[in-house]
Amino acid sequence: MESQVESCLGILGLEPGLPAGVTPPALPSGALFSSATFDFPVISETVEGAWADVAMQGDSELEPAFVAAARRLVERGAVVITSNCGSAVRYQAAVTATVTVPVVMSSLLLVPALLRQLPPETKLAVVTADSRVFRDDLLGLSDPKERVQMVIGGIEGGKM
């Protein structure tokens, strides 16, 4: 008899950046990777080579690793895929083209829709891990006039 795979939320994660042998701290409820955050099963896959500094810079060589990790999630039962890094939006098209489930790599996908709902004089803020490496291609804007509505701020120098 073939075993049934449980439907899950699949999360693509960056390399954890912990020294070998170090156990990550327990995550509080509300943290993306905490089992207490959602009332349904969650599975994750680390994207090989996707260290935060590399992923945030938009290294195109990471695309195959994002695709491979997404495929593993689907094989394991993911019915939707997301990620823990806003910059992963750069890999949205490649992942979406290779899996058969919905893919929402970043909340930045909402930027164009949110701007259409705001009066032109209203600003939309994006808080990022490091504003020094944040590039406008992450915003998905087709009209350069929309960029003036955006305020980008970072928590660089803080603890992640």
N, C-alpha and C. Protein backbone atom coordinates (compact mmCIF):
# COMPACT_ATOMS: atom_id res chain seq x y z
N MET A 1 0.84 -1.18 0.00
CA MET A 1 0.00 0.00 0.00
C MET A 1 0.89 1.24 0.00
N GLU A 2 0.55 2.19 -0.86
CA GLU A 2 1.32 3.43 -0.98
C GLU A 2 0.95 4.38 0.15
N SER A 3 1.96 5.03 0.77
CA SER A 3 1.69 5.94 1.87
C SER A 3 1.23 7.30 1.33
N GLN A 4 0.32 7.90 2.04
CA GLN A 4 -0.23 9.21 1.69
C GLN A 4 0.68 10.30 2.27
N VAL A 5 1.08 11.28 1.44
CA VAL A 5 1.89 12.39 1.90
C VAL A 5 0.94 13.46 2.41
N GLU A 6 1.22 13.99 3.62
CA GLU A 6 0.38 15.02 4.21
C GLU A 6 0.61 16.35 3.50
N SER A 7 -0.46 17.13 3.28
CA SER A 7 -0.33 18.46 2.67
C SER A 7 0.31 19.41 3.66
N CYS A 8 1.29 20.18 3.18
CA CYS A 8 2.07 21.06 4.06
C CYS A 8 2.36 22.39 3.39
N LEU A 9 2.67 23.38 4.23
CA LEU A 9 3.27 24.62 3.77
C LEU A 9 4.75 24.34 3.62
N GLY A 10 5.32 24.66 2.48
CA GLY A 10 6.75 24.45 2.26
C GLY A 10 7.49 25.77 2.33
N ILE A 11 8.56 25.81 3.11
CA ILE A 11 9.34 27.03 3.27
C ILE A 11 10.76 26.79 2.79
N LEU A 12 11.20 27.63 1.87
CA LEU A 12 12.59 27.62 1.41
C LEU A 12 13.39 28.51 2.35
N GLY A 13 14.42 27.95 2.95
CA GLY A 13 15.21 28.71 3.91
C GLY A 13 16.62 28.96 3.44
N LEU A 14 17.18 30.06 3.87
CA LEU A 14 18.59 30.36 3.60
C LEU A 14 19.47 29.48 4.49
N GLU A 15 20.73 29.39 4.14
CA GLU A 15 21.69 28.68 4.98
C GLU A 15 21.66 29.33 6.36
N PRO A 16 21.65 28.52 7.43
CA PRO A 16 21.48 29.09 8.76
C PRO A 16 22.66 29.91 9.29
N GLY A 17 23.84 29.69 8.79
CA GLY A 17 24.98 30.49 9.22
C GLY A 17 25.46 30.19 10.62
N LEU A 18 25.15 28.99 11.13
CA LEU A 18 25.61 28.60 12.46
C LEU A 18 26.87 27.75 12.33
N PRO A 19 27.78 27.88 13.28
CA PRO A 19 28.96 27.02 13.25
C PRO A 19 28.56 25.55 13.35
N ALA A 20 29.38 24.68 12.78
CA ALA A 20 29.10 23.23 12.82
C ALA A 20 28.92 22.78 14.26
N GLY A 21 27.91 21.97 14.48
CA GLY A 21 27.66 21.40 15.80
C GLY A 21 26.84 22.27 16.72
N VAL A 22 26.55 23.51 16.33
CA VAL A 22 25.76 24.40 17.18
C VAL A 22 24.28 24.17 16.90
N THR A 23 23.53 23.94 17.95
CA THR A 23 22.09 23.74 17.82
C THR A 23 21.40 25.10 17.80
N PRO A 24 20.53 25.32 16.81
CA PRO A 24 19.83 26.61 16.76
C PRO A 24 18.94 26.78 17.99
N PRO A 25 18.73 28.02 18.42
CA PRO A 25 17.86 28.25 19.58
C PRO A 25 16.41 27.89 19.26
N ALA A 26 15.64 27.59 20.29
CA ALA A 26 14.21 27.30 20.12
C ALA A 26 13.53 28.56 19.59
N LEU A 27 12.62 28.37 18.67
CA LEU A 27 11.93 29.51 18.06
C LEU A 27 10.60 29.76 18.75
N PRO A 28 10.28 31.00 19.00
CA PRO A 28 9.00 31.32 19.65
C PRO A 28 7.84 31.18 18.66
N SER A 29 6.65 31.00 19.19
CA SER A 29 5.45 31.01 18.36
C SER A 29 5.41 32.34 17.62
N GLY A 30 5.12 32.29 16.35
CA GLY A 30 5.10 33.49 15.51
C GLY A 30 6.29 33.53 14.57
N ALA A 31 7.37 32.82 14.93
CA ALA A 31 8.53 32.75 14.04
C ALA A 31 8.18 31.85 12.87
N LEU A 32 8.65 32.19 11.69
CA LEU A 32 8.28 31.45 10.48
C LEU A 32 8.55 29.96 10.58
N PHE A 33 9.68 29.57 11.14
CA PHE A 33 10.04 28.16 11.20
C PHE A 33 9.57 27.46 12.48
N SER A 34 8.82 28.14 13.33
CA SER A 34 8.32 27.52 14.56
C SER A 34 7.10 26.67 14.25
N SER A 35 7.09 25.43 14.76
CA SER A 35 5.94 24.55 14.53
C SER A 35 4.69 25.08 15.25
N ALA A 36 4.87 25.98 16.22
CA ALA A 36 3.74 26.53 16.96
C ALA A 36 3.08 27.70 16.23
N THR A 37 3.66 28.17 15.15
CA THR A 37 3.13 29.35 14.45
C THR A 37 1.87 29.05 13.65
N PHE A 38 1.84 27.89 13.03
CA PHE A 38 0.73 27.54 12.14
C PHE A 38 -0.06 26.37 12.70
N ASP A 39 -1.33 26.29 12.35
CA ASP A 39 -2.14 25.16 12.81
C ASP A 39 -2.25 24.08 11.72
N PHE A 40 -1.23 24.00 10.89
CA PHE A 40 -1.12 22.96 9.88
C PHE A 40 0.35 22.62 9.72
N PRO A 41 0.65 21.49 9.11
CA PRO A 41 2.05 21.05 9.00
C PRO A 41 2.90 21.97 8.12
N VAL A 42 4.13 22.16 8.55
CA VAL A 42 5.10 22.99 7.85
C VAL A 42 6.36 22.16 7.64
N ILE A 43 6.89 22.22 6.42
CA ILE A 43 8.16 21.57 6.14
C ILE A 43 9.10 22.61 5.54
N SER A 44 10.38 22.37 5.64
CA SER A 44 11.33 23.33 5.09
C SER A 44 12.48 22.62 4.41
N GLU A 45 13.12 23.34 3.53
CA GLU A 45 14.33 22.89 2.83
C GLU A 45 15.28 24.07 2.81
N THR A 46 16.53 23.80 3.13
CA THR A 46 17.56 24.83 3.03
C THR A 46 18.03 24.90 1.58
N VAL A 47 18.13 26.10 1.07
CA VAL A 47 18.63 26.32 -0.29
C VAL A 47 20.15 26.33 -0.21
N GLU A 48 20.75 25.30 -0.78
CA GLU A 48 22.19 25.13 -0.69
C GLU A 48 22.94 26.33 -1.29
N GLY A 49 23.84 26.89 -0.51
CA GLY A 49 24.64 28.02 -0.96
C GLY A 49 23.99 29.37 -0.79
N ALA A 50 22.74 29.39 -0.33
CA ALA A 50 22.00 30.65 -0.19
C ALA A 50 22.26 31.26 1.18
N TRP A 51 23.45 31.80 1.35
CA TRP A 51 23.78 32.56 2.56
C TRP A 51 23.11 33.92 2.42
N ALA A 52 22.75 34.54 3.51
CA ALA A 52 22.00 35.80 3.47
C ALA A 52 22.68 36.85 2.60
N ASP A 53 23.99 37.03 2.76
CA ASP A 53 24.66 38.08 1.98
C ASP A 53 24.64 37.78 0.49
N VAL A 54 24.70 36.51 0.12
CA VAL A 54 24.69 36.11 -1.29
C VAL A 54 23.28 36.26 -1.87
N ALA A 55 22.28 35.78 -1.15
CA ALA A 55 20.90 35.85 -1.63
C ALA A 55 20.43 37.30 -1.74
N MET A 56 20.79 38.12 -0.79
CA MET A 56 20.35 39.51 -0.82
C MET A 56 20.99 40.29 -1.96
N GLN A 57 22.15 39.86 -2.40
CA GLN A 57 22.82 40.52 -3.53
C GLN A 57 22.20 40.09 -4.86
N GLY A 58 21.42 38.98 -4.85
CA GLY A 58 20.75 38.53 -6.06
C GLY A 58 21.60 37.68 -6.97
N ASP A 59 22.42 36.82 -6.41
CA ASP A 59 23.30 35.95 -7.19
C ASP A 59 22.48 35.02 -8.08
N SER A 60 22.58 35.18 -9.39
CA SER A 60 21.80 34.35 -10.33
C SER A 60 22.20 32.88 -10.28
N GLU A 61 23.39 32.58 -9.79
CA GLU A 61 23.83 31.19 -9.69
C GLU A 61 23.06 30.41 -8.63
N LEU A 62 22.28 31.10 -7.80
CA LEU A 62 21.46 30.43 -6.79
C LEU A 62 20.16 29.86 -7.36
N GLU A 63 19.79 30.30 -8.55
CA GLU A 63 18.51 29.87 -9.12
C GLU A 63 18.33 28.35 -9.15
N PRO A 64 19.32 27.56 -9.64
CA PRO A 64 19.12 26.11 -9.63
C PRO A 64 18.95 25.53 -8.23
N ALA A 65 19.60 26.11 -7.24
CA ALA A 65 19.47 25.62 -5.87
C ALA A 65 18.06 25.92 -5.32
N PHE A 66 17.51 27.09 -5.63
CA PHE A 66 16.14 27.41 -5.21
C PHE A 66 15.16 26.44 -5.88
N VAL A 67 15.36 26.19 -7.16
CA VAL A 67 14.47 25.28 -7.90
C VAL A 67 14.55 23.87 -7.32
N ALA A 68 15.75 23.38 -7.08
CA ALA A 68 15.93 22.02 -6.55
C ALA A 68 15.28 21.89 -5.17
N ALA A 69 15.47 22.88 -4.31
CA ALA A 69 14.88 22.82 -2.98
C ALA A 69 13.35 22.88 -3.06
N ALA A 70 12.81 23.68 -3.98
CA ALA A 70 11.36 23.76 -4.15
C ALA A 70 10.80 22.43 -4.64
N ARG A 71 11.48 21.79 -5.55
CA ARG A 71 11.03 20.48 -6.02
C ARG A 71 11.02 19.46 -4.88
N ARG A 72 12.03 19.51 -4.01
CA ARG A 72 12.06 18.59 -2.86
C ARG A 72 10.87 18.85 -1.95
N LEU A 73 10.51 20.12 -1.76
CA LEU A 73 9.35 20.44 -0.93
C LEU A 73 8.08 19.83 -1.50
N VAL A 74 7.89 19.95 -2.81
CA VAL A 74 6.70 19.39 -3.45
C VAL A 74 6.69 17.87 -3.29
N GLU A 75 7.83 17.24 -3.49
CA GLU A 75 7.92 15.79 -3.32
C GLU A 75 7.55 15.37 -1.90
N ARG A 76 7.84 16.23 -0.94
CA ARG A 76 7.56 15.93 0.47
C ARG A 76 6.13 16.30 0.88
N GLY A 77 5.36 16.93 -0.01
CA GLY A 77 3.96 17.22 0.29
C GLY A 77 3.58 18.68 0.35
N ALA A 78 4.48 19.59 0.02
CA ALA A 78 4.13 21.01 0.04
C ALA A 78 3.04 21.30 -0.99
N VAL A 79 2.02 22.03 -0.57
CA VAL A 79 0.94 22.43 -1.47
C VAL A 79 1.01 23.91 -1.80
N VAL A 80 1.92 24.60 -1.15
CA VAL A 80 2.25 25.99 -1.43
C VAL A 80 3.67 26.21 -0.92
N ILE A 81 4.40 27.10 -1.58
CA ILE A 81 5.80 27.35 -1.21
C ILE A 81 6.03 28.83 -0.97
N THR A 82 6.77 29.12 0.08
CA THR A 82 7.20 30.47 0.39
C THR A 82 8.68 30.42 0.76
N SER A 83 9.22 31.54 1.21
CA SER A 83 10.62 31.56 1.64
C SER A 83 10.78 32.47 2.84
N ASN A 84 11.95 32.41 3.45
CA ASN A 84 12.21 33.25 4.62
C ASN A 84 13.06 34.46 4.28
N CYS A 85 13.16 34.81 3.00
CA CYS A 85 13.98 35.95 2.58
C CYS A 85 13.24 36.73 1.49
N GLY A 86 13.03 38.01 1.73
CA GLY A 86 12.34 38.84 0.74
C GLY A 86 13.05 38.89 -0.59
N SER A 87 14.38 38.83 -0.56
CA SER A 87 15.14 38.88 -1.81
C SER A 87 14.95 37.64 -2.67
N ALA A 88 14.36 36.60 -2.10
CA ALA A 88 14.08 35.39 -2.88
C ALA A 88 13.06 35.64 -3.97
N VAL A 89 12.42 36.81 -3.94
CA VAL A 89 11.47 37.16 -5.00
C VAL A 89 12.15 37.10 -6.36
N ARG A 90 13.45 37.30 -6.40
CA ARG A 90 14.20 37.22 -7.67
C ARG A 90 14.11 35.83 -8.30
N TYR A 91 13.83 34.82 -7.49
CA TYR A 91 13.77 33.43 -7.99
C TYR A 91 12.33 32.95 -8.16
N GLN A 92 11.38 33.86 -7.96
CA GLN A 92 9.95 33.54 -8.06
C GLN A 92 9.61 32.90 -9.41
N ALA A 93 9.98 33.53 -10.50
CA ALA A 93 9.60 33.02 -11.82
C ALA A 93 10.19 31.64 -12.08
N ALA A 94 11.44 31.43 -11.72
CA ALA A 94 12.09 30.14 -11.97
C ALA A 94 11.44 29.03 -11.16
N VAL A 95 11.14 29.31 -9.90
CA VAL A 95 10.52 28.29 -9.05
C VAL A 95 9.10 28.01 -9.52
N THR A 96 8.34 29.07 -9.80
CA THR A 96 6.96 28.90 -10.26
C THR A 96 6.89 28.08 -11.55
N ALA A 97 7.85 28.27 -12.43
CA ALA A 97 7.86 27.56 -13.72
C ALA A 97 8.18 26.08 -13.58
N THR A 98 8.70 25.67 -12.43
CA THR A 98 9.16 24.28 -12.32
C THR A 98 8.40 23.43 -11.31
N VAL A 99 7.46 24.02 -10.58
CA VAL A 99 6.66 23.23 -9.64
C VAL A 99 5.18 23.38 -9.99
N THR A 100 4.37 22.51 -9.42
CA THR A 100 2.95 22.47 -9.76
C THR A 100 2.06 23.01 -8.63
N VAL A 101 2.66 23.80 -7.73
CA VAL A 101 1.91 24.36 -6.61
C VAL A 101 2.10 25.88 -6.61
N PRO A 102 1.22 26.62 -5.94
CA PRO A 102 1.40 28.07 -5.85
C PRO A 102 2.72 28.41 -5.14
N VAL A 103 3.33 29.50 -5.60
CA VAL A 103 4.61 29.96 -5.04
C VAL A 103 4.48 31.43 -4.69
N VAL A 104 4.80 31.77 -3.45
CA VAL A 104 4.78 33.15 -2.98
C VAL A 104 6.10 33.35 -2.23
N MET A 105 7.14 33.71 -2.98
CA MET A 105 8.48 33.75 -2.42
C MET A 105 8.70 34.92 -1.46
N SER A 106 7.91 35.99 -1.57
CA SER A 106 8.18 37.17 -0.78
C SER A 106 6.94 38.05 -0.68
N SER A 107 6.80 38.73 0.44
CA SER A 107 5.72 39.71 0.56
C SER A 107 5.93 40.89 -0.37
N LEU A 108 7.14 41.03 -0.93
CA LEU A 108 7.40 42.10 -1.89
C LEU A 108 6.54 41.94 -3.15
N LEU A 109 6.01 40.76 -3.38
CA LEU A 109 5.09 40.56 -4.51
C LEU A 109 3.86 41.45 -4.37
N LEU A 110 3.56 41.88 -3.16
CA LEU A 110 2.38 42.71 -2.91
C LEU A 110 2.59 44.18 -3.22
N VAL A 111 3.83 44.61 -3.38
CA VAL A 111 4.12 46.04 -3.55
C VAL A 111 3.31 46.69 -4.67
N PRO A 112 3.32 46.17 -5.89
CA PRO A 112 2.55 46.84 -6.95
C PRO A 112 1.06 46.95 -6.62
N ALA A 113 0.48 45.88 -6.07
CA ALA A 113 -0.94 45.91 -5.73
C ALA A 113 -1.23 46.90 -4.61
N LEU A 114 -0.37 46.95 -3.61
CA LEU A 114 -0.57 47.89 -2.51
C LEU A 114 -0.48 49.33 -3.00
N LEU A 115 0.46 49.62 -3.87
CA LEU A 115 0.58 51.00 -4.39
C LEU A 115 -0.67 51.42 -5.16
N ARG A 116 -1.28 50.49 -5.87
CA ARG A 116 -2.50 50.82 -6.62
C ARG A 116 -3.66 51.16 -5.68
N GLN A 117 -3.58 50.74 -4.44
CA GLN A 117 -4.64 51.00 -3.48
C GLN A 117 -4.43 52.28 -2.69
N LEU A 118 -3.25 52.87 -2.80
CA LEU A 118 -2.92 54.05 -2.01
C LEU A 118 -3.05 55.34 -2.84
N PRO A 119 -3.43 56.43 -2.18
CA PRO A 119 -3.41 57.72 -2.88
C PRO A 119 -1.97 58.03 -3.30
N PRO A 120 -1.77 58.74 -4.40
CA PRO A 120 -0.42 59.00 -4.93
C PRO A 120 0.52 59.69 -3.95
N GLU A 121 -0.02 60.46 -3.02
CA GLU A 121 0.84 61.18 -2.08
C GLU A 121 1.23 60.33 -0.86
N THR A 122 0.69 59.12 -0.77
CA THR A 122 0.97 58.23 0.36
C THR A 122 2.22 57.40 0.09
N LYS A 123 3.00 57.20 1.13
CA LYS A 123 4.22 56.40 1.03
C LYS A 123 3.98 54.99 1.51
N LEU A 124 4.70 54.03 0.93
CA LEU A 124 4.69 52.64 1.35
C LEU A 124 6.10 52.30 1.80
N ALA A 125 6.23 51.81 3.02
CA ALA A 125 7.55 51.50 3.58
C ALA A 125 7.86 50.02 3.45
N VAL A 126 9.11 49.73 3.16
CA VAL A 126 9.64 48.37 3.16
C VAL A 126 10.81 48.35 4.13
N VAL A 127 10.76 47.46 5.09
CA VAL A 127 11.87 47.27 6.02
C VAL A 127 12.61 46.02 5.59
N THR A 128 13.89 46.16 5.36
CA THR A 128 14.71 45.06 4.86
C THR A 128 15.89 44.82 5.81
N ALA A 129 16.50 43.66 5.67
CA ALA A 129 17.65 43.33 6.52
C ALA A 129 18.81 44.29 6.28
N ASP A 130 19.01 44.69 5.03
CA ASP A 130 20.14 45.57 4.72
C ASP A 130 19.78 46.46 3.54
N SER A 131 19.45 47.69 3.81
CA SER A 131 19.02 48.61 2.76
C SER A 131 20.16 48.97 1.81
N ARG A 132 21.40 48.73 2.25
CA ARG A 132 22.54 49.06 1.39
C ARG A 132 22.61 48.15 0.16
N VAL A 133 22.04 46.95 0.25
CA VAL A 133 22.07 46.03 -0.90
C VAL A 133 20.69 45.84 -1.52
N PHE A 134 19.70 46.55 -1.01
CA PHE A 134 18.35 46.46 -1.57
C PHE A 134 18.32 47.18 -2.91
N ARG A 135 17.85 46.49 -3.93
CA ARG A 135 17.78 47.10 -5.26
C ARG A 135 16.32 47.18 -5.71
N ASP A 136 16.05 48.16 -6.53
CA ASP A 136 14.68 48.41 -6.98
C ASP A 136 14.06 47.25 -7.75
N ASP A 137 14.87 46.35 -8.32
CA ASP A 137 14.30 45.23 -9.06
C ASP A 137 13.46 44.32 -8.15
N LEU A 138 13.65 44.41 -6.85
CA LEU A 138 12.86 43.60 -5.91
C LEU A 138 11.43 44.07 -5.78
N LEU A 139 11.16 45.29 -6.20
CA LEU A 139 9.84 45.89 -5.98
C LEU A 139 8.81 45.50 -7.03
N GLY A 140 9.23 45.05 -8.19
CA GLY A 140 8.30 44.63 -9.23
C GLY A 140 7.49 45.77 -9.82
N LEU A 141 8.06 46.96 -9.83
CA LEU A 141 7.34 48.13 -10.35
C LEU A 141 7.62 48.32 -11.84
N SER A 142 6.56 48.59 -12.59
CA SER A 142 6.73 48.83 -14.03
C SER A 142 6.76 50.32 -14.35
N ASP A 143 6.21 51.14 -13.47
CA ASP A 143 6.16 52.58 -13.68
C ASP A 143 7.15 53.26 -12.74
N PRO A 144 8.18 53.91 -13.26
CA PRO A 144 9.18 54.56 -12.41
C PRO A 144 8.57 55.61 -11.46
N LYS A 145 7.42 56.15 -11.82
CA LYS A 145 6.76 57.13 -10.95
C LYS A 145 6.33 56.50 -9.62
N GLU A 146 6.07 55.21 -9.63
CA GLU A 146 5.66 54.54 -8.41
C GLU A 146 6.79 54.49 -7.37
N ARG A 147 8.03 54.51 -7.84
CA ARG A 147 9.17 54.40 -6.92
C ARG A 147 9.21 55.56 -5.93
N VAL A 148 8.71 56.72 -6.32
CA VAL A 148 8.73 57.86 -5.40
C VAL A 148 7.83 57.64 -4.19
N GLN A 149 6.90 56.71 -4.30
CA GLN A 149 6.03 56.39 -3.17
C GLN A 149 6.68 55.42 -2.19
N MET A 150 7.82 54.89 -2.54
CA MET A 150 8.47 53.87 -1.71
C MET A 150 9.49 54.48 -0.77
N VAL A 151 9.50 53.99 0.46
CA VAL A 151 10.52 54.33 1.45
C VAL A 151 11.15 53.01 1.87
N ILE A 152 12.46 52.89 1.69
CA ILE A 152 13.16 51.65 2.01
C ILE A 152 14.05 51.90 3.23
N GLY A 153 13.92 51.08 4.24
CA GLY A 153 14.76 51.19 5.43
C GLY A 153 15.30 49.82 5.81
N GLY A 154 16.48 49.82 6.40
CA GLY A 154 17.10 48.56 6.77
C GLY A 154 17.45 48.48 8.24
N ILE A 155 17.66 47.26 8.69
CA ILE A 155 18.09 47.03 10.07
C ILE A 155 19.56 46.62 10.10
N GLU A 156 20.32 47.00 9.03
CA GLU A 156 21.72 46.65 8.98
C GLU A 156 22.42 47.08 10.27
N GLY A 157 23.33 46.24 10.69
CA GLY A 157 24.03 46.50 11.94
C GLY A 157 23.34 45.90 13.15
N GLY A 158 22.10 45.49 12.99
CA GLY A 158 21.37 44.86 14.09
C GLY A 158 21.60 43.36 14.09
N LYS A 159 21.02 42.69 15.03
CA LYS A 159 21.14 41.22 15.09
C LYS A 159 20.02 40.60 14.30
N MET A 160 20.35 39.57 13.50
CA MET A 160 19.31 38.86 12.72
C MET A 160 18.91 37.62 13.43
